[in-house]
PDB file of N, CA and C in Angstrom:
ATOM      1  N   UNK A   1      11.631   1.651  -1.101  1.00  0.00           N
ATOM      2  CA  UNK A   1       9.803   1.416  -1.577  1.00  0.00           C
ATOM      3  C   UNK A   1       9.429   2.894  -0.435  1.00  0.00           C
ATOM      4  N   UNK A   2       8.549   3.716  -0.895  1.00  0.00           N
ATOM      5  CA  UNK A   2       8.272   4.634  -0.094  1.00  0.00           C
ATOM      6  C   UNK A   2       7.494   3.885   1.020  1.00  0.00           C
ATOM      7  N   UNK A   3       6.435   3.533   1.146  1.00  0.00           N
ATOM      8  CA  UNK A   3       5.855   2.894   2.339  1.00  0.00           C
ATOM      9  C   UNK A   3       6.527   1.269   2.783  1.00  0.00           C
ATOM     10  N   UNK A   4       7.173   1.954   4.176  1.00  0.00           N
ATOM     11  CA  UNK A   4       8.091   0.740   4.516  1.00  0.00           C
ATOM     12  C   UNK A   4       7.020   0.211   5.004  1.00  0.00           C
ATOM     13  N   UNK A   5       7.286  -1.513   5.982  1.00  0.00           N
ATOM     14  CA  UNK A   5       6.693  -1.992   6.974  1.00  0.00           C
ATOM     15  C   UNK A   5       6.487  -0.980   8.054  1.00  0.00           C
ATOM     16  N   UNK A   6       7.406  -0.585   8.404  1.00  0.00           N
ATOM     17  CA  UNK A   6       7.749   0.180   9.403  1.00  0.00           C
ATOM     18  C   UNK A   6       6.555   1.873   9.653  1.00  0.00           C
ATOM     19  N   UNK A   7       7.023   2.076   8.665  1.00  0.00           N
ATOM     20  CA  UNK A   7       5.949   3.540   8.103  1.00  0.00           C
ATOM     21  C   UNK A   7       4.943   3.409   7.836  1.00  0.00           C
ATOM     22  N   UNK A   8       4.156   2.297   8.034  1.00  0.00           N
ATOM     23  CA  UNK A   8       3.269   2.239   8.236  1.00  0.00           C
ATOM     24  C   UNK A   8       2.606   1.243  10.114  1.00  0.00           C
ATOM     25  N   UNK A   9       3.327   0.950  10.243  1.00  0.00           N
ATOM     26  CA  UNK A   9       3.799   0.333  11.521  1.00  0.00           C
ATOM     27  C   UNK A   9       2.924   1.590  12.546  1.00  0.00           C
ATOM     28  N   UNK A  10       4.036   2.259  12.136  1.00  0.00           N
ATOM     29  CA  UNK A  10       3.959   3.517  12.948  1.00  0.00           C
ATOM     30  C   UNK A  10       2.517   3.912  12.551  1.00  0.00           C
ATOM     31  N   UNK A  11       2.320   4.768  11.694  1.00  0.00           N
ATOM     32  CA  UNK A  11       0.760   5.514  10.858  1.00  0.00           C
ATOM     33  C   UNK A  11      -0.387   4.806  12.052  1.00  0.00           C
ATOM     34  N   UNK A  12      -0.608   3.235  12.140  1.00  0.00           N
ATOM     35  CA  UNK A  12      -1.334   2.450  11.770  1.00  0.00           C
ATOM     36  C   UNK A  12      -1.471   2.922  14.225  1.00  0.00           C
ATOM     37  N   UNK A  13      -0.179   3.371  14.730  1.00  0.00           N
ATOM     38  CA  UNK A  13       0.113   2.889  15.716  1.00  0.00           C
ATOM     39  C   UNK A  13      -0.743   4.437  16.177  1.00  0.00           C
ATOM     40  N   UNK A  14      -0.476   5.373  15.605  1.00  0.00           N
ATOM     41  CA  UNK A  14      -0.827   6.591  15.798  1.00  0.00           C
ATOM     42  C   UNK A  14      -2.174   6.762  15.665  1.00  0.00           C
ATOM     43  N   UNK A  15      -2.430   6.467  14.153  1.00  0.00           N
ATOM     44  CA  UNK A  15      -4.033   6.547  14.247  1.00  0.00           C
ATOM     45  C   UNK A  15      -5.233   5.316  14.536  1.00  0.00           C
ATOM     46  N   UNK A  16      -4.793   4.444  14.709  1.00  0.00           N
ATOM     47  CA  UNK A  16      -5.876   3.027  14.683  1.00  0.00           C
ATOM     48  C   UNK A  16      -5.709   3.048  15.833  1.00  0.00           C
ATOM     49  N   UNK A  17      -4.790   2.994  16.920  1.00  0.00           N
ATOM     50  CA  UNK A  17      -4.739   2.583  18.036  1.00  0.00           C
ATOM     51  C   UNK A  17      -3.190   1.637  18.605  1.00  0.00           C
ATOM     52  N   UNK A  18      -2.960   0.263  17.788  1.00  0.00           N
ATOM     53  CA  UNK A  18      -2.009  -0.230  17.858  1.00  0.00           C
ATOM     54  C   UNK A  18      -1.972  -0.429  16.284  1.00  0.00           C
ATOM     55  N   UNK A  19      -0.690  -1.011  16.675  1.00  0.00           N
ATOM     56  CA  UNK A  19      -0.229  -1.738  15.519  1.00  0.00           C
ATOM     57  C   UNK A  19      -1.328  -2.859  14.403  1.00  0.00           C
ATOM     58  N   UNK A  20      -1.509  -3.826  14.876  1.00  0.00           N
ATOM     59  CA  UNK A  20      -1.716  -5.004  14.416  1.00  0.00           C
ATOM     60  C   UNK A  20      -3.940  -4.199  14.047  1.00  0.00           C
ATOM     61  N   UNK A  21      -4.226  -3.215  14.291  1.00  0.00           N
ATOM     62  CA  UNK A  21      -5.404  -2.122  13.765  1.00  0.00           C
ATOM     63  C   UNK A  21      -5.609  -1.602  12.747  1.00  0.00           C
ATOM     64  N   UNK A  22      -5.364  -2.688  11.705  1.00  0.00           N
ATOM     65  CA  UNK A  22      -5.579  -1.899  10.805  1.00  0.00           C
ATOM     66  C   UNK A  22      -6.533  -1.592   9.571  1.00  0.00           C
ATOM     67  N   UNK A  23      -7.914  -2.090  10.390  1.00  0.00           N
ATOM     68  CA  UNK A  23      -9.160  -2.000   9.678  1.00  0.00           C
ATOM     69  C   UNK A  23      -9.946  -0.854   9.597  1.00  0.00           C
ATOM     70  N   UNK A  24      -9.576  -0.344  11.015  1.00  0.00           N
ATOM     71  CA  UNK A  24     -10.113   1.169  11.501  1.00  0.00           C
ATOM     72  C   UNK A  24      -9.800   2.310  10.650  1.00  0.00           C
ATOM     73  N   UNK A  25     -11.242   2.916  10.582  1.00  0.00           N
ATOM     74  CA  UNK A  25     -11.375   4.324   9.613  1.00  0.00           C
ATOM     75  C   UNK A  25     -10.073   5.078   9.855  1.00  0.00           C
ATOM     76  N   UNK A  26      -9.839   5.466  10.665  1.00  0.00           N
ATOM     77  CA  UNK A  26      -8.648   6.367  11.542  1.00  0.00           C
ATOM     78  C   UNK A  26      -7.830   5.822  10.536  1.00  0.00           C
ATOM     79  N   UNK A  27      -7.347   4.958  11.071  1.00  0.00           N
ATOM     80  CA  UNK A  27      -5.769   4.202  10.182  1.00  0.00           C
ATOM     81  C   UNK A  27      -6.060   4.370   8.446  1.00  0.00           C
ATOM     82  N   UNK A  28      -7.151   3.784   8.076  1.00  0.00           N
ATOM     83  CA  UNK A  28      -6.778   3.658   7.075  1.00  0.00           C
ATOM     84  C   UNK A  28      -6.942   4.847   5.881  1.00  0.00           C
ATOM     85  N   UNK A  29      -8.091   6.013   6.807  1.00  0.00           N
ATOM     86  CA  UNK A  29      -7.447   7.666   6.294  1.00  0.00           C
ATOM     87  C   UNK A  29      -6.001   8.191   6.470  1.00  0.00           C
ATOM     88  N   UNK A  30      -5.232   7.904   7.513  1.00  0.00           N
ATOM     89  CA  UNK A  30      -4.404   8.330   7.522  1.00  0.00           C
ATOM     90  C   UNK A  30      -3.512   7.844   6.596  1.00  0.00           C
ATOM     91  N   UNK A  31      -3.494   6.455   6.204  1.00  0.00           N
ATOM     92  CA  UNK A  31      -2.686   5.669   5.542  1.00  0.00           C
ATOM     93  C   UNK A  31      -3.242   6.650   3.622  1.00  0.00           C
ATOM     94  N   UNK A  32      -4.222   6.426   3.832  1.00  0.00           N
ATOM     95  CA  UNK A  32      -4.449   6.805   2.094  1.00  0.00           C
ATOM     96  C   UNK A  32      -4.084   8.425   1.775  1.00  0.00           C
ATOM     97  N   UNK A  33      -3.525   9.359   3.787  1.00  0.00           N
ATOM     98  CA  UNK A  33      -3.349  10.786   3.404  1.00  0.00           C
ATOM     99  C   UNK A  33      -1.904  10.763   2.627  1.00  0.00           C
ATOM    100  N   UNK A  34      -1.282   9.936   3.181  1.00  0.00           N
ATOM    101  CA  UNK A  34      -0.255   9.938   3.506  1.00  0.00           C
ATOM    102  C   UNK A  34       0.133   9.416   2.377  1.00  0.00           C
ATOM    103  N   UNK A  35      -0.265   8.655   1.504  1.00  0.00           N
ATOM    104  CA  UNK A  35       0.022   8.185  -0.146  1.00  0.00           C
ATOM    105  C   UNK A  35      -0.147   9.240  -1.028  1.00  0.00           C
ATOM    106  N   UNK A  36      -1.406   9.751  -0.791  1.00  0.00           N
ATOM    107  CA  UNK A  36      -1.430  11.111  -1.530  1.00  0.00           C
ATOM    108  C   UNK A  36      -0.790  12.151  -1.442  1.00  0.00           C
ATOM    109  N   UNK A  37      -0.183  12.103   0.041  1.00  0.00           N
ATOM    110  CA  UNK A  37       0.861  13.321  -0.315  1.00  0.00           C
ATOM    111  C   UNK A  37       1.913  12.874  -1.066  1.00  0.00           C
ATOM    112  N   UNK A  38       2.283  11.715  -1.445  1.00  0.00           N
ATOM    113  CA  UNK A  38       3.383  11.107  -2.176  1.00  0.00           C
ATOM    114  C   UNK A  38       2.919  10.754  -2.834  1.00  0.00           C
ATOM    115  N   UNK A  39       1.963  10.455  -4.061  1.00  0.00           N
ATOM    116  CA  UNK A  39       1.804  11.115  -5.354  1.00  0.00           C
ATOM    117  C   UNK A  39       1.942  11.862  -5.622  1.00  0.00           C
ATOM    118  N   UNK A  40       1.134  12.908  -5.263  1.00  0.00           N
ATOM    119  CA  UNK A  40       1.018  14.221  -4.988  1.00  0.00           C
ATOM    120  C   UNK A  40       2.206  15.297  -5.789  1.00  0.00           C
ATOM    121  N   UNK A  41       3.709  14.738  -4.859  1.00  0.00           N
ATOM    122  CA  UNK A  41       4.969  14.930  -5.316  1.00  0.00           C
ATOM    123  C   UNK A  41       5.205  14.789  -6.226  1.00  0.00           C
ATOM    124  N   UNK A  42       5.040  13.332  -6.696  1.00  0.00           N
ATOM    125  CA  UNK A  42       5.318  12.387  -7.610  1.00  0.00           C
ATOM    126  C   UNK A  42       4.703  13.024  -8.775  1.00  0.00           C
ATOM    127  N   UNK A  43       3.550  13.840  -9.376  1.00  0.00           N
ATOM    128  CA  UNK A  43       3.152  14.447 -10.052  1.00  0.00           C
ATOM    129  C   UNK A  43       3.523  15.786 -10.152  1.00  0.00           C
ATOM    130  N   UNK A  44       3.827  16.260  -9.263  1.00  0.00           N
ATOM    131  CA  UNK A  44       4.776  17.743  -9.132  1.00  0.00           C
ATOM    132  C   UNK A  44       6.110  17.793 -10.181  1.00  0.00           C
ATOM    133  N   UNK A  45       6.017  16.228 -10.087  1.00  0.00           N
ATOM    134  CA  UNK A  45       8.375  16.080 -10.999  1.00  0.00           C
ATOM    135  C   UNK A  45       7.282  15.528 -12.008  1.00  0.00           C
ATOM    136  N   UNK A  46       6.643  14.836 -12.103  1.00  0.00           N
ATOM    137  CA  UNK A  46       5.732  14.245 -13.862  1.00  0.00           C
ATOM    138  C   UNK A  46       4.495  14.343 -14.315  1.00  0.00           C
ATOM    139  N   UNK A  47       4.558  15.473 -14.720  1.00  0.00           N
ATOM    140  CA  UNK A  47       3.160  16.804 -15.232  1.00  0.00           C
ATOM    141  C   UNK A  47       2.341  15.644 -16.389  1.00  0.00           C
ATOM    142  N   UNK A  48       2.755  14.317 -16.636  1.00  0.00           N
ATOM    143  CA  UNK A  48       2.252  13.684 -17.642  1.00  0.00           C
ATOM    144  C   UNK A  48       2.258  12.032 -17.554  1.00  0.00           C
ATOM    145  N   UNK A  49       2.237  12.020 -16.753  1.00  0.00           N
ATOM    146  CA  UNK A  49       2.169  10.719 -15.809  1.00  0.00           C
ATOM    147  C   UNK A  49       0.854  10.532 -15.626  1.00  0.00           C
ATOM    148  N   UNK A  50       0.026  10.129 -16.164  1.00  0.00           N
ATOM    149  CA  UNK A  50      -1.704  10.285 -16.177  1.00  0.00           C
ATOM    150  C   UNK A  50      -2.603   8.801 -15.331  1.00  0.00           C
ATOM    151  N   UNK A  51      -1.428   7.600 -15.757  1.00  0.00           N
ATOM    152  CA  UNK A  51      -1.789   6.406 -14.699  1.00  0.00           C
ATOM    153  C   UNK A  51      -1.840   6.740 -13.485  1.00  0.00           C
ATOM    154  N   UNK A  52      -0.721   7.804 -12.948  1.00  0.00           N
ATOM    155  CA  UNK A  52      -0.898   8.104 -11.538  1.00  0.00           C
ATOM    156  C   UNK A  52      -1.394   8.773 -11.176  1.00  0.00           C
ATOM    157  N   UNK A  53      -2.350  10.237 -11.937  1.00  0.00           N
ATOM    158  CA  UNK A  53      -3.015  10.756 -12.201  1.00  0.00           C
ATOM    159  C   UNK A  53      -4.493  10.163 -11.533  1.00  0.00           C
ATOM    160  N   UNK A  54      -4.218   9.278 -12.531  1.00  0.00           N
ATOM    161  CA  UNK A  54      -6.172   8.487 -12.151  1.00  0.00           C
ATOM    162  C   UNK A  54      -6.017   7.838 -10.711  1.00  0.00           C
ATOM    163  N   UNK A  55      -5.048   7.249 -10.075  1.00  0.00           N
ATOM    164  CA  UNK A  55      -4.597   6.786  -9.402  1.00  0.00           C
ATOM    165  C   UNK A  55      -4.788   7.802  -8.391  1.00  0.00           C
ATOM    166  N   UNK A  56      -4.518   8.537  -8.088  1.00  0.00           N
ATOM    167  CA  UNK A  56      -4.619   9.697  -7.329  1.00  0.00           C
ATOM    168  C   UNK A  56      -5.888   9.977  -7.241  1.00  0.00           C
ATOM    169  N   UNK A  57      -7.117  10.264  -8.129  1.00  0.00           N
ATOM    170  CA  UNK A  57      -8.106  10.449  -8.135  1.00  0.00           C
ATOM    171  C   UNK A  57      -8.720   9.439  -7.480  1.00  0.00           C
ATOM    172  N   UNK A  58      -8.251   8.229  -7.696  1.00  0.00           N
ATOM    173  CA  UNK A  58      -9.715   6.968  -7.169  1.00  0.00           C
ATOM    174  C   UNK A  58      -8.390   6.671  -5.835  1.00  0.00           C
ATOM    175  N   UNK A  59      -7.393   7.778  -5.081  1.00  0.00           N
ATOM    176  CA  UNK A  59      -7.634   7.568  -4.385  1.00  0.00           C
ATOM    177  C   UNK A  59      -7.856   8.499  -3.059  1.00  0.00           C
ATOM    178  N   UNK A  60      -8.220   9.238  -4.127  1.00  0.00           N
ATOM    179  CA  UNK A  60      -8.850  10.641  -3.011  1.00  0.00           C
ATOM    180  C   UNK A  60     -10.255  10.178  -3.012  1.00  0.00           C
ATOM    181  N   UNK A  61     -10.954  10.007  -3.595  1.00  0.00           N
ATOM    182  CA  UNK A  61     -12.406   9.591  -3.404  1.00  0.00           C
ATOM    183  C   UNK A  61     -12.741   8.013  -2.846  1.00  0.00           C
ATOM    184  N   UNK A  62     -11.191   7.430  -2.606  1.00  0.00           N
ATOM    185  CA  UNK A  62     -11.995   6.217  -1.255  1.00  0.00           C
ATOM    186  C   UNK A  62     -11.705   6.663   0.017  1.00  0.00           C
ATOM    187  N   UNK A  63     -10.312   7.716   0.264  1.00  0.00           N
ATOM    188  CA  UNK A  63     -10.279   8.591   1.379  1.00  0.00           C
ATOM    189  C   UNK A  63     -11.694   9.460   1.842  1.00  0.00           C
ATOM    190  N   UNK A  64     -12.404   9.675   0.396  1.00  0.00           N
ATOM    191  CA  UNK A  64     -13.675  10.816   0.912  1.00  0.00           C
ATOM    192  C   UNK A  64     -14.834  10.206   1.217  1.00  0.00           C
ATOM    193  N   UNK A  65     -15.025   8.660   1.057  1.00  0.00           N
ATOM    194  CA  UNK A  65     -15.962   7.792   0.916  1.00  0.00           C
ATOM    195  C   UNK A  65     -16.073   7.307   2.263  1.00  0.00           C
ATOM    196  N   UNK A  66     -14.684   7.163   3.228  1.00  0.00           N
ATOM    197  CA  UNK A  66     -14.745   6.378   4.645  1.00  0.00           C
ATOM    198  C   UNK A  66     -14.711   8.009   5.362  1.00  0.00           C
ATOM    199  N   UNK A  67     -14.542   8.980   5.166  1.00  0.00           N
ATOM    200  CA  UNK A  67     -14.529   9.903   6.243  1.00  0.00           C
ATOM    201  C   UNK A  67     -15.889  10.519   5.895  1.00  0.00           C
ATOM    202  N   UNK A  68     -16.605  10.359   5.210  1.00  0.00           N
ATOM    203  CA  UNK A  68     -18.627  10.042   4.930  1.00  0.00           C
ATOM    204  C   UNK A  68     -18.479   9.436   5.920  1.00  0.00           C
ATOM    205  N   UNK A  69     -18.432   8.033   5.806  1.00  0.00           N
ATOM    206  CA  UNK A  69     -18.811   7.415   6.048  1.00  0.00           C
ATOM    207  C   UNK A  69     -18.537   7.912   7.958  1.00  0.00           C
ATOM    208  N   UNK A  70     -17.211   7.654   8.568  1.00  0.00           N
ATOM    209  CA  UNK A  70     -17.302   8.354   9.464  1.00  0.00           C
ATOM    210  C   UNK A  70     -18.079   9.353  10.465  1.00  0.00           C
ATOM    211  N   UNK A  71     -18.095  10.083   9.350  1.00  0.00           N
ATOM    212  CA  UNK A  71     -18.800  11.310   9.883  1.00  0.00           C
ATOM    213  C   UNK A  71     -20.238  11.406  10.172  1.00  0.00           C
ATOM    214  N   UNK A  72     -21.271   9.888   9.757  1.00  0.00           N
ATOM    215  CA  UNK A  72     -22.200   9.177   9.781  1.00  0.00           C
ATOM    216  C   UNK A  72     -22.534   8.477  11.284  1.00  0.00           C
ATOM    217  N   UNK A  73     -21.370   8.016  11.293  1.00  0.00           N
ATOM    218  CA  UNK A  73     -20.343   7.157  12.813  1.00  0.00           C
ATOM    219  C   UNK A  73     -20.848   7.595  13.902  1.00  0.00           C
ATOM    220  N   UNK A  74     -19.813   8.639  13.905  1.00  0.00           N
ATOM    221  CA  UNK A  74     -19.236   8.896  14.537  1.00  0.00           C
ATOM    222  C   UNK A  74     -18.617  11.425  14.466  1.00  0.00           C
ATOM    223  N   UNK A  75     -19.181  12.098  14.808  1.00  0.00           N
ATOM    224  CA  UNK A  75     -19.108  13.108  14.345  1.00  0.00           C
ATOM    225  C   UNK A  75     -17.626  13.423  14.810  1.00  0.00           C
ATOM    226  N   UNK A  76     -17.494  12.822  16.609  1.00  0.00           N
ATOM    227  CA  UNK A  76     -16.739  13.408  17.678  1.00  0.00           C
ATOM    228  C   UNK A  76     -14.981  13.289  16.705  1.00  0.00           C
ATOM    229  N   UNK A  77     -15.393  11.900  16.087  1.00  0.00           N
ATOM    230  CA  UNK A  77     -14.207  10.985  15.072  1.00  0.00           C
ATOM    231  C   UNK A  77     -13.433  11.585  13.945  1.00  0.00           C
ATOM    232  N   UNK A  78     -14.817  11.695  13.504  1.00  0.00           N
ATOM    233  CA  UNK A  78     -14.658  12.773  12.645  1.00  0.00           C
ATOM    234  C   UNK A  78     -13.742  13.772  12.188  1.00  0.00           C
ATOM    235  N   UNK A  79     -14.032  14.497  13.496  1.00  0.00           N
ATOM    236  CA  UNK A  79     -13.738  16.679  13.361  1.00  0.00           C
ATOM    237  C   UNK A  79     -11.974  16.139  13.767  1.00  0.00           C
ATOM    238  N   UNK A  80     -11.796  15.196  14.401  1.00  0.00           N
ATOM    239  CA  UNK A  80     -10.588  14.937  14.771  1.00  0.00           C
ATOM    240  C   UNK A  80      -9.509  14.500  14.258  1.00  0.00           C
ATOM    241  N   UNK A  81     -10.087  13.203  13.418  1.00  0.00           N
ATOM    242  CA  UNK A  81      -9.343  12.967  12.347  1.00  0.00           C
ATOM    243  C   UNK A  81      -8.647  14.147  11.807  1.00  0.00           C
ATOM    244  N   UNK A  82      -9.500  15.219  10.941  1.00  0.00           N
ATOM    245  CA  UNK A  82      -9.802  15.899   9.776  1.00  0.00           C
ATOM    246  C   UNK A  82      -8.583  16.804  10.640  1.00  0.00           C
ATOM    247  N   UNK A  83      -8.905  17.206  11.894  1.00  0.00           N
ATOM    248  CA  UNK A  83      -7.871  18.330  12.617  1.00  0.00           C
ATOM    249  C   UNK A  83      -6.650  17.670  12.576  1.00  0.00           C
ATOM    250  N   UNK A  84      -6.641  16.540  13.626  1.00  0.00           N
ATOM    251  CA  UNK A  84      -4.835  15.397  13.043  1.00  0.00           C
ATOM    252  C   UNK A  84      -4.510  15.595  12.068  1.00  0.00           C
ATOM    253  N   UNK A  85      -4.927  15.825  10.500  1.00  0.00           N
ATOM    254  CA  UNK A  85      -4.341  15.617   9.307  1.00  0.00           C
ATOM    255  C   UNK A  85      -4.523  15.816   8.579  1.00  0.00           C
ATOM    256  N   UNK A  86      -5.115  17.576   9.162  1.00  0.00           N
ATOM    257  CA  UNK A  86      -4.554  19.008   8.552  1.00  0.00           C
ATOM    258  C   UNK A  86      -5.902  18.891   7.028  1.00  0.00           C
ATOM    259  N   UNK A  87      -6.908  17.378   7.197  1.00  0.00           N
ATOM    260  CA  UNK A  87      -7.517  17.412   5.827  1.00  0.00           C
ATOM    261  C   UNK A  87      -8.370  18.853   5.781  1.00  0.00           C
ATOM    262  N   UNK A  88      -9.220  18.976   4.744  1.00  0.00           N
ATOM    263  CA  UNK A  88      -9.951  20.573   5.044  1.00  0.00           C
ATOM    264  C   UNK A  88     -11.351  19.774   3.917  1.00  0.00           C
ATOM    265  N   UNK A  89     -12.153  20.393   4.013  1.00  0.00           N
ATOM    266  CA  UNK A  89     -13.623  19.875   3.441  1.00  0.00           C
ATOM    267  C   UNK A  89     -14.156  21.031   2.555  1.00  0.00           C
TER     268      UNK A  89
END
């Protein structure tokens, strides 16, 4: 599987503060970004996989809502995570 326990732990350690902080907005956004990049690569190879395409659109929407929440709560954290992950708006 592409998303192992170790990879998730690395993502949450780097962006969430520690491995147990899985609910932080930064950690969730980083995890969604990892999953979005994986699904994008999958769709480049399998153009007619419409179920995965729908999942990708839903995942991008979830990430967008989390980014909007973070922007409202703390603009500096929002700018930091955007810069770290290379997400453009």
